[in-house]
Each structure stands twice: as C-alpha cells, then as structure tokens.
C-alpha cells in the first residue's frame, strides 16, 4: 500500500477526482465571469479585444488578456462560447491545477535538496504532491470561470524558477567555486526563464511583477555584498527585458487601439466611459475589511441601491458624519449613479477620518484586511453561507453548514501554520536555502501588503501564493534521516 500511495499517478488521480467533484457538483460563477466571456467572444467573432458598450464594440483594457485568450482558444476549438463552453474550460483548468500540483512538489523538493540533500527531496516530492493535489482551496477554483487556476499555475512555475535561480547564485558564491567569468550561463538560464514566466503570470494577474522586483532586491543584497553588482545588473536586466517582451504585444495593442502606454491593466479596472470613484474608495479604505461588506456596499455602487443599515457603525465617527453619508447614499440611490460631486464629498470625509485616526486607516484596517484574505474558510464558491455566530443557534439550525465552515477554516489555519513551521525548519537547517527562502517569504509579505490597498479584500487574491504555502507546509512534516546539508556559503 505504501508503494502504491508513493506513486505520483495515484496522487494525481485523487486530485483529479476531487476537482471533478467540484466541477460536477458545485460549478460556480463570479461577477467577472460574464466579462471574461464577452471579451473572449468578441475576440473570436470580431477580432477585437472589446466589450459591447451601448451596442458598440469598444476596445478596452479593463482586464489582462491572458485568460480571455485561453477562453477564445477553447471557443475556436470547440465551436462553443459563453456558458456552453464552460465545461471544456473547467476541464482545462483541472489539467492546469494538476500540473500546478507537480510544480508545487518540485518547489518543495528543490528547497529540501538545497537544505538536506537529494535523498529526502524524493520523499518530499511525493508528500507535496499529495498535499497540493488534495488542497480544496485551489481545487474548487477549477469549477469557476476566473483567472485564479491559471494564474496560480504560472505563479508556481515562476517560484520554481526563482528557487533554481537562487540555488545557482548560492553555488556561484560558494568558497569552493572561483568567480572567473563575468557571465554565468546557469544563472542566466534560470534568470531568463524566471523573467519569461513572470511576464506570463502578469498576463493573468497585473500585480505579478511584484515577484520580479522583490526577487531582485533580495538577490541584490548578496551580489553587492560580494562586490558583484555588475553581474547582478546583467541578470536583473535579462529577466526584466524578457518579462517586458512577453507584455510587449499587449502594450503595443493598447498604444494603437487606446492611444495609451499601458503594459498592465488600469489600477481601477474601469471601462473607457467610466470614472473611477476615488473618493468613495478612499472612504471605504478607512473602515471596510470584511467580504460581506463588499457585497453590501462596494459591488452595489452604480449598480443597485445601497442600504445605509448595511454599513457598519465603524464607518462613521459621529452622527453628523453618518447623516452626511446618508444624504450621499440617498443621492446615489435615486438613479444608482455616484456623481462626481458626491464622490468628491466622500473623498473629503475620507481625508477627515484619516486625519483624525491615521493609525486606523494606515495600520488597523490594513491588518484586519490581512486577516480577511488569509484567515478565512474560503468557501465563497461553495453552497454554504459560512455563518458561525451565534454558535449555538447555527449548530441547532444548520449543523452541516457550520461543520463544513469550521472544517475549512481550521484547514486553512493548518496550511498556514505548517508553512510557517516548514519555513523555520529550512531557515534553521542550512544557509544554502536562505536566499531562495528569503525571496519567497518577502514576496508573500509584499504581495499581502499590496492587497490591503485593493478596493475589495477578496481571499482569492492570495491563491497565487499558495504554491509557496503548500511547498513550505510539506517541509514541516519531513522526518530527517541523517544530518542536514551543513554547507553555509555566504548569503
């Protein structure tokens, strides 16, 4: 039995069964699903990356083109589009997520090989493959038409190349190796792949270049320490250039079609005819941190009536401020449109709240958003309401819902705590792995900080970090046989 379970195909078969369960039993949709499908449909039918605005096919840059390109390809291959093509898309996403599981196993085994040598890395590969294949938090996103599955796959491949790049760098500066050439082919090889895959990931998630920036900042510290700034500059330039080359067709398209320099999607993801509600969003950032508040307020803006009673008390510092917001909400609800004047008034309220309580806006609320995106049951795609309190009432009235919600919550905590333990074990065991580990951890921290500034703190936005989380979590369960690799080159 142990030999059977250690075979990669058995783990992948179990992962396939889990993903088919979600696809067949709990297929889901999102607010972005029709948008992606329309972009892909117009691309196929009209040859334009565009939306129909007022019955006119209008070029847009509201989303990155990677996912609509995948949809368009499937539409061409199957002769179906929109809802009729969702099952083929989901089957492709199943294959992509299983491939992501293999990439996660490769990340874990590479980190362990750097630390403890090749023997335990083989066992870690199998363990990581099982852990990734059976992770429901990534598996359930194969059942929805969103970018998360493919973005997570490319993120996993990118992190793997980052680990190999850091490994080649560590070997380069080992005392037993002498730096003779100004250009190391192995490092250049991994730097090139790293840059290309960062670019590919960016085609799905526009904030992905954060990994490129963070990685090179971390690596620069070691290169500069060894007096090799020029070598670092060459490798950084190579990866940066290749990343930009991947984005170049999209950049040229935006310059030609929209007369703008835009290698990414616009920050506010607005249509050409839309005005970003900057004042309203600034006001939200002074109090909003729960997903339920996004449904009640954020995603109703300019779409439907906003109920003042759904806005929590912490959004108001005084009765006069609440009355001011009530008047602005009433004006919005007359035609479900936030005027420029009302948006400006929300901006004034936001500035006043921030001036009175700067720590709340810049520290407390962002920290609460961190808790929202990381410490959550992640059941937003499943047919459960996720209500826990009052605990006694939920246990009496909807016991299955409560059990599932608590199980997924504690499973999320398990992954995160195991990842922390795994990272600590690697850091303490060998200096060889610290450069790669520092780059990965810095990326998770910086990306998390960035997401606290995004309009809606959605837990799905950190799924691209789960390849690192699952790989590190695997290490926590590694039983070492023999002494770790104790070579400690300068880092």
Protein backbone atom coordinates (compact mmCIF):
# COMPACT_ATOMS: atom_id res chain seq x y z
CA UNK A 1 0.00 0.00 0.00
CA UNK A 2 2.80 2.41 0.86
CA UNK A 3 4.42 1.78 -2.53
CA UNK A 4 1.09 2.41 -4.28
CA UNK A 5 0.47 5.68 -2.44
CA UNK A 6 4.00 6.86 -3.20
CA UNK A 7 3.36 6.70 -6.95
CA UNK A 8 2.71 10.19 -8.40
CA UNK A 9 -0.12 8.94 -10.62
CA UNK A 10 -2.11 7.83 -7.57
CA UNK A 11 -1.86 11.32 -6.04
CA UNK A 12 -2.83 12.90 -9.36
CA UNK A 13 -5.78 10.51 -9.72
CA UNK A 14 -7.01 11.53 -6.25
CA UNK A 15 -6.58 15.18 -7.21
CA UNK A 16 -8.50 14.58 -10.43
CA UNK A 17 -11.39 13.02 -8.52
CA UNK A 18 -11.54 15.99 -6.13
CA UNK A 19 -11.61 18.51 -8.95
CA UNK A 20 -14.21 16.60 -10.93
CA UNK A 21 -16.36 16.58 -7.80
CA UNK A 22 -16.25 20.37 -7.62
CA UNK A 23 -16.85 20.79 -11.35
CA UNK A 24 -19.79 18.39 -11.48
CA UNK A 25 -21.37 19.11 -8.10
CA UNK A 26 -20.54 22.75 -7.36
CA UNK A 27 -19.82 24.73 -10.55
CA UNK A 28 -19.81 28.42 -9.71
CA UNK A 29 -19.94 31.81 -11.34
CA UNK A 30 -18.48 35.16 -10.40
CA UNK A 31 -19.22 38.77 -11.22
CA UNK A 32 -16.20 38.75 -13.53
CA UNK A 33 -17.29 35.60 -15.40
CA UNK A 34 -19.59 37.35 -17.95
CA UNK A 35 -16.89 39.98 -18.51
CA UNK A 36 -14.23 37.41 -19.41
CA UNK A 37 -16.66 35.51 -21.60
CA UNK A 38 -17.72 38.62 -23.51
CA UNK A 39 -14.11 39.64 -24.08
CA UNK A 40 -13.31 36.19 -25.46
CA UNK A 41 -16.46 36.05 -27.60
CA UNK A 42 -15.82 39.43 -29.20
CA UNK A 43 -12.21 38.44 -29.79
CA UNK A 44 -13.37 35.39 -31.74
CA UNK A 45 -16.31 36.98 -33.56
CA UNK A 46 -14.97 40.47 -34.22
CA UNK A 47 -11.22 40.05 -33.92
CA UNK A 48 -11.19 42.73 -31.23
CA UNK A 49 -10.39 42.67 -27.53
CA UNK A 50 -13.52 44.62 -26.76
CA UNK A 51 -16.83 44.90 -24.94
CA UNK A 52 -20.22 45.91 -26.26
CA UNK A 53 -20.89 49.35 -24.78
CA UNK A 54 -24.17 50.93 -25.84
CA UNK A 55 -24.35 48.31 -28.64
CA UNK A 56 -20.97 49.42 -29.98
CA UNK A 57 -17.96 47.08 -29.98
CA UNK A 58 -15.46 49.14 -27.99
CA UNK A 59 -11.78 48.22 -27.40
CA UNK A 60 -10.93 48.07 -23.68
CA UNK A 61 -8.03 47.27 -21.37
CA UNK A 62 -10.17 46.54 -18.32
CA UNK A 63 -8.59 43.10 -17.77
CA UNK A 64 -5.30 41.49 -18.74
CA UNK A 65 -5.60 39.41 -21.94
CA UNK A 66 -4.24 36.04 -20.75
CA UNK A 67 -7.46 34.44 -19.54
CA UNK A 68 -9.70 35.77 -22.35
CA UNK A 69 -7.09 34.42 -24.80
CA UNK A 70 -7.43 30.95 -23.24
CA UNK A 71 -11.22 31.19 -23.44
CA UNK A 72 -11.06 32.36 -27.06
CA UNK A 73 -8.82 29.42 -27.96
CA UNK A 74 -11.28 26.96 -26.41
CA UNK A 75 -14.17 28.68 -28.21
CA UNK A 76 -12.36 28.21 -31.52
CA UNK A 77 -11.52 24.58 -30.78
CA UNK A 78 -14.98 23.55 -29.57
CA UNK A 79 -17.21 25.79 -31.65
CA UNK A 80 -18.93 26.85 -28.42
CA UNK A 81 -18.84 30.08 -26.49
CA UNK A 82 -20.01 31.56 -23.23
CA UNK A 83 -21.96 29.29 -20.91
CA UNK A 84 -21.98 26.44 -23.43
CA UNK A 85 -18.17 26.27 -23.31
CA UNK A 86 -17.78 26.36 -19.55
CA UNK A 87 -17.33 22.62 -19.09
CA UNK A 88 -14.38 22.40 -21.56
CA UNK A 89 -12.83 25.41 -19.83
CA UNK A 90 -13.20 23.77 -16.44
CA UNK A 91 -11.67 20.53 -17.71
CA UNK A 92 -8.69 22.53 -18.97
CA UNK A 93 -8.45 24.18 -15.56
CA UNK A 94 -8.43 20.77 -13.89
CA UNK A 95 -5.45 19.77 -16.02
CA UNK A 96 -3.74 23.08 -15.24
CA UNK A 97 -4.28 22.68 -11.49
CA UNK A 98 -2.89 19.14 -11.52
CA UNK A 99 0.14 20.45 -13.37
CA UNK A 100 0.36 23.12 -10.68
CA UNK A 101 0.46 20.35 -8.06
CA UNK A 102 3.51 18.89 -9.80
CA UNK A 103 5.17 22.31 -9.86
CA UNK A 104 4.48 22.72 -6.14
CA UNK A 105 6.08 19.32 -5.49
CA UNK A 106 9.11 20.44 -7.50
CA UNK A 107 9.38 23.63 -5.42
CA UNK A 108 9.29 21.65 -2.18
CA UNK A 109 11.81 19.05 -3.34
CA UNK A 110 14.17 21.75 -4.64
CA UNK A 111 14.09 23.60 -1.30
CA UNK A 112 14.71 20.37 0.61
CA UNK A 113 17.51 19.30 -1.75
CA UNK A 114 19.24 22.62 -1.07
CA UNK A 115 18.89 22.02 2.65
CA UNK A 116 19.18 18.29 3.31
CA UNK A 117 20.48 16.81 0.06
CA UNK A 118 18.84 14.66 -2.66
CA UNK A 119 17.64 11.71 -0.59
CA UNK A 120 14.85 13.37 1.46
CA UNK A 121 13.86 15.51 -1.54
CA UNK A 122 12.43 12.40 -3.23
CA UNK A 123 10.12 11.72 -0.28
CA UNK A 124 9.17 15.38 -0.09
CA UNK A 125 8.14 15.41 -3.75
CA UNK A 126 5.55 12.69 -3.10
CA UNK A 127 4.30 14.29 0.11
CA UNK A 128 4.00 17.73 -1.51
CA UNK A 129 2.19 16.27 -4.50
CA UNK A 130 -0.42 14.71 -2.24
CA UNK A 131 -0.80 17.88 -0.20
CA UNK A 132 -1.26 20.04 -3.32
CA UNK A 133 -3.47 17.56 -5.17
CA UNK A 134 -5.90 17.36 -2.24
CA UNK A 135 -5.95 21.08 -1.41
CA UNK A 136 -9.61 22.14 -1.77
CA UNK A 137 -8.78 25.84 -1.78
CA UNK A 138 -7.12 25.63 -5.18
CA UNK A 139 -9.19 22.69 -6.44
CA UNK A 140 -12.58 24.42 -6.13
CA UNK A 141 -11.46 27.30 -8.35
CA UNK A 142 -11.25 24.90 -11.28
CA UNK A 143 -15.07 24.99 -11.20
CA UNK A 144 -15.41 28.70 -11.91
CA UNK A 145 -14.57 30.85 -14.93
CA UNK A 146 -11.91 33.03 -13.31
CA UNK A 147 -8.17 33.59 -13.75
CA UNK A 148 -7.15 32.02 -10.42
CA UNK A 149 -6.33 28.49 -11.58
CA UNK A 150 -4.10 29.50 -14.48
CA UNK A 151 -2.55 32.41 -12.56
CA UNK A 152 -1.67 30.02 -9.73
CA UNK A 153 -0.11 27.56 -12.18
CA UNK A 154 2.15 30.19 -13.72
CA UNK A 155 2.94 31.54 -10.26
CA UNK A 156 4.07 28.06 -9.16
CA UNK A 157 6.31 27.68 -12.21
CA UNK A 158 7.76 31.14 -11.59
CA UNK A 159 8.52 30.37 -7.94
CA UNK A 160 10.23 27.15 -9.00
CA UNK A 161 12.47 29.07 -11.41
CA UNK A 162 13.19 31.59 -8.65
CA UNK A 163 14.35 28.76 -6.37
CA UNK A 164 16.62 27.40 -9.10
CA UNK A 165 18.00 30.87 -9.77
CA UNK A 166 18.75 31.38 -6.09
CA UNK A 167 20.34 27.93 -5.98
CA UNK A 168 22.65 28.74 -8.90
CA UNK A 169 23.54 32.03 -7.25
CA UNK A 170 24.35 30.27 -3.95
CA UNK A 171 26.61 27.79 -5.71
CA UNK A 172 28.27 30.60 -7.65
CA UNK A 173 29.50 32.27 -4.47
CA UNK A 174 30.42 29.11 -2.63
CA UNK A 175 34.06 29.28 -1.41
CA UNK A 176 34.91 26.18 -3.46
CA UNK A 177 33.96 28.00 -6.68
CA UNK A 178 36.00 30.81 -8.10
CA UNK A 179 34.34 33.62 -10.00
CA UNK A 180 36.20 33.97 -13.24
CA UNK A 181 33.71 34.83 -15.94
CA UNK A 182 31.56 37.94 -15.72
CA UNK A 183 28.62 35.96 -17.07
CA UNK A 184 27.43 32.68 -15.58
CA UNK A 185 25.41 30.62 -18.07
CA UNK A 186 23.49 28.66 -15.45
CA UNK A 187 22.32 31.77 -13.60
CA UNK A 188 21.46 33.45 -16.90
CA UNK A 189 19.48 30.38 -17.91
CA UNK A 190 17.30 30.48 -14.79
CA UNK A 191 17.04 34.28 -14.84
CA UNK A 192 15.69 34.11 -18.40
CA UNK A 193 13.06 31.51 -17.50
CA UNK A 194 12.17 33.48 -14.39
CA UNK A 195 11.60 36.68 -16.37
CA UNK A 196 9.53 34.90 -19.04
CA UNK A 197 7.24 33.24 -16.52
CA UNK A 198 6.77 36.45 -14.53
CA UNK A 199 5.63 38.02 -17.78
CA UNK A 200 3.30 35.09 -18.48
CA UNK A 201 1.82 35.33 -14.97
CA UNK A 202 1.29 39.06 -15.47
CA UNK A 203 -0.93 38.30 -18.46
CA UNK A 204 -3.33 36.82 -15.89
CA UNK A 205 -2.67 38.97 -12.79
CA UNK A 206 -1.35 42.52 -13.37
CA UNK A 207 0.42 42.78 -10.00
CA UNK A 208 2.67 39.78 -10.72
CA UNK A 209 5.80 41.89 -11.47
CA UNK A 210 5.98 42.35 -7.71
CA UNK A 211 7.70 38.96 -7.62
CA UNK A 212 10.31 40.15 -10.11
CA UNK A 213 11.03 43.31 -8.12
CA UNK A 214 11.12 41.57 -4.74
CA UNK A 215 13.36 38.75 -6.00
CA UNK A 216 15.94 41.10 -7.43
CA UNK A 217 16.01 43.28 -4.33
CA UNK A 218 16.72 40.20 -2.19
CA UNK A 219 19.33 38.85 -4.61
CA UNK A 220 20.96 42.26 -4.94
CA UNK A 221 21.89 42.23 -1.27
CA UNK A 222 24.01 39.12 -1.77
CA UNK A 223 25.51 40.19 -5.11
CA UNK A 224 26.50 43.61 -3.80
CA UNK A 225 27.93 42.04 -0.65
CA UNK A 226 30.30 40.04 -2.85
CA UNK A 227 31.19 43.02 -5.00
CA UNK A 228 29.30 41.66 -8.00
CA UNK A 229 26.87 44.50 -8.69
CA UNK A 230 27.54 44.36 -12.45
CA UNK A 231 26.75 40.65 -12.56
CA UNK A 232 23.51 41.27 -10.69
CA UNK A 233 22.61 44.13 -13.04
CA UNK A 234 23.09 41.89 -16.09
CA UNK A 235 20.87 39.14 -14.69
CA UNK A 236 18.23 41.60 -13.49
CA UNK A 237 18.23 43.33 -16.88
CA UNK A 238 17.87 40.00 -18.67
CA UNK A 239 14.86 38.87 -16.64
CA UNK A 240 13.28 42.32 -16.75
CA UNK A 241 13.70 42.53 -20.52
CA UNK A 242 12.18 39.12 -21.12
CA UNK A 243 9.28 39.91 -18.82
CA UNK A 244 8.59 43.09 -20.78
CA UNK A 245 8.91 41.26 -24.12
CA UNK A 246 6.07 38.97 -23.06
CA UNK A 247 3.97 42.06 -22.32
CA UNK A 248 5.07 43.94 -25.44
CA UNK A 249 2.25 42.78 -27.77
CA UNK A 250 -0.32 43.87 -25.16
CA UNK A 251 1.47 47.18 -24.69
CA UNK A 252 1.57 47.83 -28.45
CA UNK A 253 -2.09 46.90 -28.78
CA UNK A 254 -3.05 49.43 -26.08
CA UNK A 255 -0.94 52.11 -27.74
CA UNK A 256 -2.59 51.51 -31.13
CA UNK A 257 -6.17 50.86 -30.06
CA UNK A 258 -6.45 53.09 -26.98
CA UNK A 259 -3.62 55.61 -27.56
CA UNK A 260 -2.08 54.96 -24.16
CA UNK A 261 1.05 53.42 -22.70
CA UNK A 262 -0.40 50.64 -20.58
CA UNK A 263 1.62 47.42 -20.19
CA UNK A 264 -0.76 46.35 -17.41
CA UNK A 265 -4.48 46.68 -16.73
CA UNK A 266 -5.56 50.04 -15.23
CA UNK A 267 -5.39 50.16 -11.44
CA UNK A 268 -9.10 50.81 -11.00
CA UNK A 269 -10.14 48.35 -13.77
CA UNK A 270 -12.60 50.85 -15.21
CA UNK A 271 -14.14 50.98 -18.67
CA UNK A 272 -13.32 53.89 -21.04
CA UNK A 273 -16.68 55.51 -20.26
CA UNK A 274 -16.31 55.10 -16.50
CA UNK A 275 -14.86 57.46 -13.92
CA UNK A 276 -13.12 55.71 -11.03
CA UNK A 277 -14.84 56.57 -7.71
CA UNK A 278 -11.59 57.53 -6.00
CA UNK A 279 -13.25 59.44 -3.17
CA UNK A 280 -15.68 56.64 -2.39
CA UNK A 281 -12.89 54.05 -2.42
CA UNK A 282 -10.76 56.23 -0.12
CA UNK A 283 -13.70 56.39 2.28
CA UNK A 284 -14.10 52.60 2.16
CA UNK A 285 -10.42 52.10 2.93
CA UNK A 286 -10.97 53.86 6.24
CA UNK A 287 -13.38 51.17 7.50
CA UNK A 288 -14.03 48.23 5.13
CA UNK A 289 -12.29 44.90 5.70
CA UNK A 290 -14.95 42.18 5.55
CA UNK A 291 -16.09 40.36 2.42
CA UNK A 292 -19.76 40.71 3.41
CA UNK A 293 -19.31 44.49 3.29
CA UNK A 294 -18.07 44.24 -0.31
CA UNK A 295 -21.34 42.54 -1.28
CA UNK A 296 -23.41 45.05 0.71
CA UNK A 297 -21.66 48.24 -0.38
CA UNK A 298 -18.70 48.04 -2.78
CA UNK A 299 -20.24 45.92 -5.53
CA UNK A 300 -23.59 47.72 -5.37
CA UNK A 301 -22.04 51.07 -6.29
CA UNK A 302 -23.52 52.34 -9.57
CA UNK A 303 -25.43 49.07 -9.91
CA UNK A 304 -28.21 48.99 -7.29
CA UNK A 305 -29.40 50.67 -4.14
CA UNK A 306 -27.06 50.75 -1.16
CA UNK A 307 -28.77 50.26 2.20
CA UNK A 308 -27.40 52.54 4.90
CA UNK A 309 -28.25 49.90 7.51
CA UNK A 310 -25.77 47.53 5.84
CA UNK A 311 -22.90 49.91 6.51
CA UNK A 312 -21.27 49.10 9.90
CA UNK A 313 -21.13 51.64 12.71
CA UNK A 314 -17.32 51.89 12.45
CA UNK A 315 -17.78 53.68 9.10
CA UNK A 316 -18.97 56.77 11.00
CA UNK A 317 -17.08 58.80 13.56
CA UNK A 318 -20.08 60.91 14.55
CA UNK A 319 -23.82 61.27 13.99
CA UNK A 320 -23.25 64.26 11.72
CA UNK A 321 -20.88 62.18 9.58
CA UNK A 322 -23.47 59.39 9.39
CA UNK A 323 -26.11 61.89 8.31
CA UNK A 324 -23.75 63.25 5.64
CA UNK A 325 -23.13 59.74 4.29
CA UNK A 326 -26.88 59.02 4.40
CA UNK A 327 -27.55 62.02 2.18
CA UNK A 328 -24.86 60.94 -0.28
CA UNK A 329 -26.25 57.38 -0.36
CA UNK A 330 -29.74 58.73 -0.94
CA UNK A 331 -28.48 60.77 -3.90
CA UNK A 332 -26.78 57.67 -5.30
CA UNK A 333 -29.90 55.54 -4.92
CA UNK A 334 -32.08 57.88 -6.97
CA UNK A 335 -30.52 56.64 -10.22
CA UNK A 336 -27.86 54.20 -8.97
CA UNK A 337 -25.12 56.55 -10.00
CA UNK A 338 -22.45 58.26 -7.90
CA UNK A 339 -21.95 61.75 -9.23
CA UNK A 340 -18.55 63.42 -9.37
CA UNK A 341 -19.69 65.86 -6.68
CA UNK A 342 -20.82 63.10 -4.33
CA UNK A 343 -17.60 61.18 -4.94
CA UNK A 344 -15.63 64.31 -4.07
CA UNK A 345 -17.59 64.66 -0.82
CA UNK A 346 -16.78 61.04 0.08
CA UNK A 347 -13.13 61.95 -0.52
CA UNK A 348 -13.43 64.84 1.94
CA UNK A 349 -14.95 62.50 4.55
CA UNK A 350 -12.11 60.02 3.97
CA UNK A 351 -9.46 62.72 4.46
CA UNK A 352 -11.09 63.91 7.68
CA UNK A 353 -11.34 60.38 9.06
CA UNK A 354 -7.72 59.67 8.16
CA UNK A 355 -6.52 62.93 9.70
CA UNK A 356 -8.34 62.14 12.94
CA UNK A 357 -7.28 58.48 13.10
CA UNK A 358 -4.26 57.89 10.83
CA UNK A 359 -3.29 54.63 12.54
CA UNK A 360 -6.74 53.23 11.88
CA UNK A 361 -6.53 53.93 8.14
CA UNK A 362 -2.88 53.01 7.61
CA UNK A 363 -2.42 50.21 10.14
CA UNK A 364 -5.55 48.81 11.82
CA UNK A 365 -7.79 48.43 8.77
CA UNK A 366 -4.97 47.03 6.57
CA UNK A 367 -4.15 44.49 9.30
CA UNK A 368 -7.81 43.48 9.51
CA UNK A 369 -7.79 43.07 5.72
CA UNK A 370 -4.79 40.76 6.07
CA UNK A 371 -6.83 38.61 8.46
CA UNK A 372 -9.68 38.58 5.96
CA UNK A 373 -7.65 37.44 2.96
CA UNK A 374 -5.55 34.85 4.81
CA UNK A 375 -7.60 33.55 7.75
CA UNK A 376 -10.90 32.61 6.15
CA UNK A 377 -12.85 29.39 5.47
CA UNK A 378 -12.53 30.08 1.69
CA UNK A 379 -15.99 28.71 0.94
CA UNK A 380 -17.12 31.63 -1.22
CA UNK A 381 -17.56 29.27 -4.21
CA UNK A 382 -19.33 26.54 -2.25
CA UNK A 383 -23.06 26.34 -1.40
CA UNK A 384 -22.57 27.33 2.24
CA UNK A 385 -23.33 30.65 3.90
CA UNK A 386 -20.34 30.49 6.25
CA UNK A 387 -22.24 31.77 9.29
CA UNK A 388 -20.68 30.70 12.60
CA UNK A 389 -22.10 33.00 15.27
CA UNK A 390 -24.11 32.68 17.39
CA UNK A 391 -22.54 29.23 17.57
CA UNK A 392 -25.35 27.51 19.49
CA UNK A 393 -28.02 28.74 17.08
CA UNK A 394 -26.04 27.71 14.00
CA UNK A 395 -25.38 24.27 15.48
CA UNK A 396 -29.09 23.85 16.07
CA UNK A 397 -30.39 25.34 12.82
CA UNK A 398 -27.80 24.48 10.17
CA UNK A 399 -25.33 21.95 11.54
CA UNK A 400 -23.89 20.75 8.18
CA UNK A 401 -23.14 24.31 7.10
CA UNK A 402 -21.42 25.07 10.41
CA UNK A 403 -19.35 21.86 10.32
CA UNK A 404 -18.13 22.49 6.78
CA UNK A 405 -17.34 26.14 7.53
CA UNK A 406 -15.33 25.30 10.64
CA UNK A 407 -13.54 22.44 8.88
CA UNK A 408 -12.39 24.68 6.04
CA UNK A 409 -11.40 27.43 8.47
CA UNK A 410 -9.20 25.13 10.53
CA UNK A 411 -7.81 23.53 7.38
CA UNK A 412 -6.70 26.98 6.23
CA UNK A 413 -5.07 27.58 9.62
CA UNK A 414 -3.38 24.19 9.35
CA UNK A 415 -1.80 25.05 5.99
CA UNK A 416 -0.56 28.42 7.22
CA UNK A 417 0.89 27.15 10.49
CA UNK A 418 2.55 24.22 8.70
CA UNK A 419 4.05 26.64 6.17
CA UNK A 420 5.49 28.77 8.99
CA UNK A 421 6.96 25.67 10.65
CA UNK A 422 8.39 24.48 7.35
CA UNK A 423 9.98 27.83 6.62
CA UNK A 424 11.52 27.91 10.10
CA UNK A 425 12.88 24.38 9.71
CA UNK A 426 14.53 25.27 6.39
CA UNK A 427 15.98 28.54 7.69
CA UNK A 428 17.49 26.93 10.77
CA UNK A 429 18.85 23.87 8.99
CA UNK A 430 21.06 25.32 6.27
CA UNK A 431 22.34 28.62 4.97
CA UNK A 432 22.17 27.36 1.40
CA UNK A 433 18.40 27.71 1.22
CA UNK A 434 18.08 31.08 2.91
CA UNK A 435 18.40 33.18 -0.22
CA UNK A 436 15.58 31.36 -2.02
CA UNK A 437 13.51 31.25 1.15
CA UNK A 438 14.00 34.98 1.81
CA UNK A 439 12.85 35.85 -1.71
CA UNK A 440 9.73 33.68 -1.41
CA UNK A 441 8.77 34.99 2.02
CA UNK A 442 9.42 38.59 1.01
CA UNK A 443 7.14 38.13 -2.00
CA UNK A 444 4.31 36.74 0.15
CA UNK A 445 4.64 39.64 2.61
CA UNK A 446 4.89 42.37 -0.05
CA UNK A 447 2.02 40.95 -2.09
CA UNK A 448 -0.11 40.76 1.05
CA UNK A 449 0.68 44.38 1.86
CA UNK A 450 -0.24 45.38 -1.69
CA UNK A 451 -3.58 43.58 -1.48
CA UNK A 452 -4.57 45.60 1.58
CA UNK A 453 -4.75 48.62 -0.74
CA UNK A 454 -7.05 46.92 -3.26
CA UNK A 455 -10.68 48.01 -3.28
CA UNK A 456 -12.11 44.65 -2.18
CA UNK A 457 -10.14 42.33 0.16
CA UNK A 458 -11.02 39.08 -1.62
CA UNK A 459 -9.36 35.90 -0.25
CA UNK A 460 -8.92 34.54 -3.80
CA UNK A 461 -6.25 37.15 -4.49
CA UNK A 462 -3.72 35.27 -2.35
CA UNK A 463 -4.23 31.93 -4.11
CA UNK A 464 -1.19 32.66 -6.27
CA UNK A 465 0.84 32.47 -3.04
CA UNK A 466 -0.46 29.00 -2.24
CA UNK A 467 2.23 27.20 -4.25
CA UNK A 468 4.74 28.63 -1.78
CA UNK A 469 2.45 27.93 1.21
CA UNK A 470 1.88 24.29 0.24
CA UNK A 471 5.54 23.68 -0.61
CA UNK A 472 6.68 25.08 2.75
CA UNK A 473 3.91 23.24 4.61
CA UNK A 474 5.25 19.96 3.24
CA UNK A 475 8.64 20.57 4.82
CA UNK A 476 7.04 20.77 8.25
CA UNK A 477 6.28 17.02 8.04
CA UNK A 478 9.69 15.97 6.80
CA UNK A 479 11.38 13.43 9.07
CA UNK A 480 15.06 13.95 8.51
CA UNK A 481 17.29 10.92 8.21
CA UNK A 482 20.89 11.90 8.71
CA UNK A 483 22.48 15.29 9.19
CA UNK A 484 21.28 18.23 7.11
CA UNK A 485 23.39 19.76 4.43
CA UNK A 486 25.57 21.97 6.58
CA UNK A 487 27.41 23.85 3.85
CA UNK A 488 26.90 27.52 4.62
CA UNK A 489 28.19 29.68 1.81
CA UNK A 490 27.97 33.44 2.23
CA UNK A 491 24.40 34.74 1.60
